[in-house]
Amino acid sequence: MTKTTNKYSPEVRERAVRMVLDNAGQHESRWAAIVSISPKIGCAPQTLNERVKKVEIDTGQRGGITTEQAEKMKALEREVRELKQANEILRKASAYFAPALIAASGDCRAAGRSSTAH
């Protein structure tokens, strides 16, 4: 997965979204406003549309997962992945060292033998 860099500053993005939301009434549809404004900003209409949707979600005007919630979910998923890796390492280490620990303890029951077998 490659991460793309944002070509536009946050101020330019905010201004473009604000222009779409403020000028939507001057066009026959919101998409028409986006198509009209996107060349002025220098971005694709689809990109501007996605930014407008994201702002609407973050402000509660539209349903969906907010940016903050998405970031939290991403962090939690990363943590879960790291914990699973750590558990797998511990599981393999315990399986590797268990026979040596049993033999070193000298406890027959721990080794699976009864004390009457001697």
Protein backbone atom coordinates (compact mmCIF):
# COMPACT_ATOMS: atom_id res chain seq x y z
CA MET A 1 0.00 0.00 0.00
CA THR A 2 1.40 3.36 -0.97
CA LYS A 3 0.40 6.55 0.71
CA THR A 4 -0.15 9.57 -1.47
CA THR A 5 0.74 13.03 -0.31
CA ASN A 6 -1.83 15.79 -0.22
CA LYS A 7 -1.16 18.28 -2.98
CA TYR A 8 -3.27 20.98 -1.40
CA SER A 9 -2.93 22.71 1.94
CA PRO A 10 -5.71 22.30 4.48
CA GLU A 11 -6.67 25.94 3.93
CA VAL A 12 -7.20 25.39 0.19
CA ARG A 13 -9.24 22.25 0.85
CA GLU A 14 -11.40 24.02 3.43
CA ARG A 15 -11.92 26.96 1.09
CA ALA A 16 -12.97 24.69 -1.78
CA VAL A 17 -15.50 22.85 0.40
CA ARG A 18 -16.82 26.14 1.74
CA MET A 19 -17.21 27.45 -1.82
CA VAL A 20 -19.23 24.36 -2.80
CA LEU A 21 -21.49 24.57 0.24
CA ASP A 22 -21.96 28.35 -0.04
CA ASN A 23 -22.57 28.35 -3.82
CA ALA A 24 -24.72 25.23 -4.10
CA GLY A 25 -27.87 27.36 -4.39
CA GLN A 26 -26.49 29.20 -7.41
CA HIS A 27 -26.28 25.99 -9.44
CA GLU A 28 -28.94 23.50 -10.50
CA SER A 29 -27.33 20.80 -8.33
CA ARG A 30 -24.49 20.31 -5.94
CA TRP A 31 -22.62 18.28 -8.54
CA ALA A 32 -22.88 21.24 -10.94
CA ALA A 33 -21.38 23.46 -8.23
CA ILE A 34 -18.56 20.96 -7.71
CA VAL A 35 -17.85 20.71 -11.45
CA SER A 36 -17.80 24.51 -11.65
CA ILE A 37 -15.52 25.04 -8.63
CA SER A 38 -13.05 22.14 -8.97
CA PRO A 39 -11.16 23.59 -12.00
CA LYS A 40 -10.73 26.86 -10.11
CA ILE A 41 -9.08 24.98 -7.27
CA GLY A 42 -7.22 22.63 -9.60
CA CYS A 43 -8.56 19.29 -8.41
CA ALA A 44 -10.78 16.59 -9.85
CA PRO A 45 -14.53 16.95 -9.24
CA GLN A 46 -14.62 13.50 -7.59
CA THR A 47 -11.95 14.55 -5.11
CA LEU A 48 -13.81 17.71 -4.18
CA ASN A 49 -17.06 15.75 -3.86
CA GLU A 50 -15.40 13.30 -1.44
CA ARG A 51 -14.05 16.19 0.63
CA VAL A 52 -17.49 17.79 0.81
CA LYS A 53 -19.01 14.47 1.93
CA LYS A 54 -16.30 14.05 4.59
CA VAL A 55 -16.96 17.53 5.98
CA GLU A 56 -20.69 16.80 6.10
CA ILE A 57 -20.05 13.55 7.99
CA ASP A 58 -17.65 15.23 10.42
CA THR A 59 -20.15 18.02 11.12
CA GLY A 60 -23.07 15.62 11.57
CA GLN A 61 -25.00 16.72 8.48
CA ARG A 62 -24.62 13.28 6.91
CA GLY A 63 -24.47 9.81 8.41
CA GLY A 64 -21.24 7.87 8.42
CA ILE A 65 -18.00 7.32 10.27
CA THR A 66 -16.29 10.56 11.22
CA THR A 67 -12.61 11.16 10.57
CA GLU A 68 -11.91 10.93 14.31
CA GLN A 69 -13.71 7.58 14.60
CA ALA A 70 -11.89 6.24 11.53
CA GLU A 71 -8.53 7.21 13.03
CA LYS A 72 -9.42 5.53 16.33
CA MET A 73 -10.52 2.38 14.52
CA LYS A 74 -7.31 2.33 12.51
CA ALA A 75 -5.22 2.69 15.68
CA LEU A 76 -7.18 -0.06 17.43
CA GLU A 77 -6.85 -2.39 14.44
CA ARG A 78 -3.08 -1.76 14.42
CA GLU A 79 -2.92 -2.50 18.16
CA VAL A 80 -4.93 -5.73 17.73
CA ARG A 81 -2.59 -6.81 14.92
CA GLU A 82 0.48 -6.13 17.10
CA LEU A 83 -1.03 -7.98 20.07
CA LYS A 84 -1.85 -10.99 17.90
CA GLN A 85 1.75 -11.05 16.67
CA ALA A 86 3.04 -10.82 20.25
CA ASN A 87 0.71 -13.64 21.35
CA GLU A 88 1.91 -15.82 18.48
CA ILE A 89 5.53 -15.20 19.44
CA LEU A 90 4.78 -16.05 23.08
CA ARG A 91 2.87 -19.18 22.05
CA LYS A 92 5.79 -20.41 19.95
CA ALA A 93 8.31 -19.54 22.68
CA SER A 94 6.34 -21.42 25.32
CA ALA A 95 6.05 -24.47 23.06
CA TYR A 96 9.80 -24.33 22.42
CA PHE A 97 10.85 -23.90 26.06
CA ALA A 98 8.19 -26.10 27.74
CA PRO A 99 10.05 -29.43 27.34
CA ALA A 100 13.24 -27.95 28.77
CA LEU A 101 11.39 -26.45 31.73
CA ILE A 102 9.63 -29.74 32.46
CA ALA A 103 12.89 -31.68 32.32
CA ALA A 104 14.68 -29.12 34.49
CA SER A 105 12.00 -29.16 37.14
CA GLY A 106 12.45 -32.86 37.85
CA ASP A 107 8.77 -33.15 38.66
CA CYS A 108 7.45 -36.40 37.27
CA ARG A 109 3.84 -35.29 37.32
CA ALA A 110 4.68 -32.20 35.30
CA ALA A 111 6.26 -34.46 32.70
CA GLY A 112 3.09 -36.53 32.48
CA ARG A 113 4.37 -39.52 34.47
CA SER A 114 2.91 -40.76 37.71
CA SER A 115 5.05 -41.00 40.83
CA THR A 116 4.41 -44.77 41.04
CA ALA A 117 6.14 -45.41 37.73
CA HIS A 118 9.58 -45.30 39.37
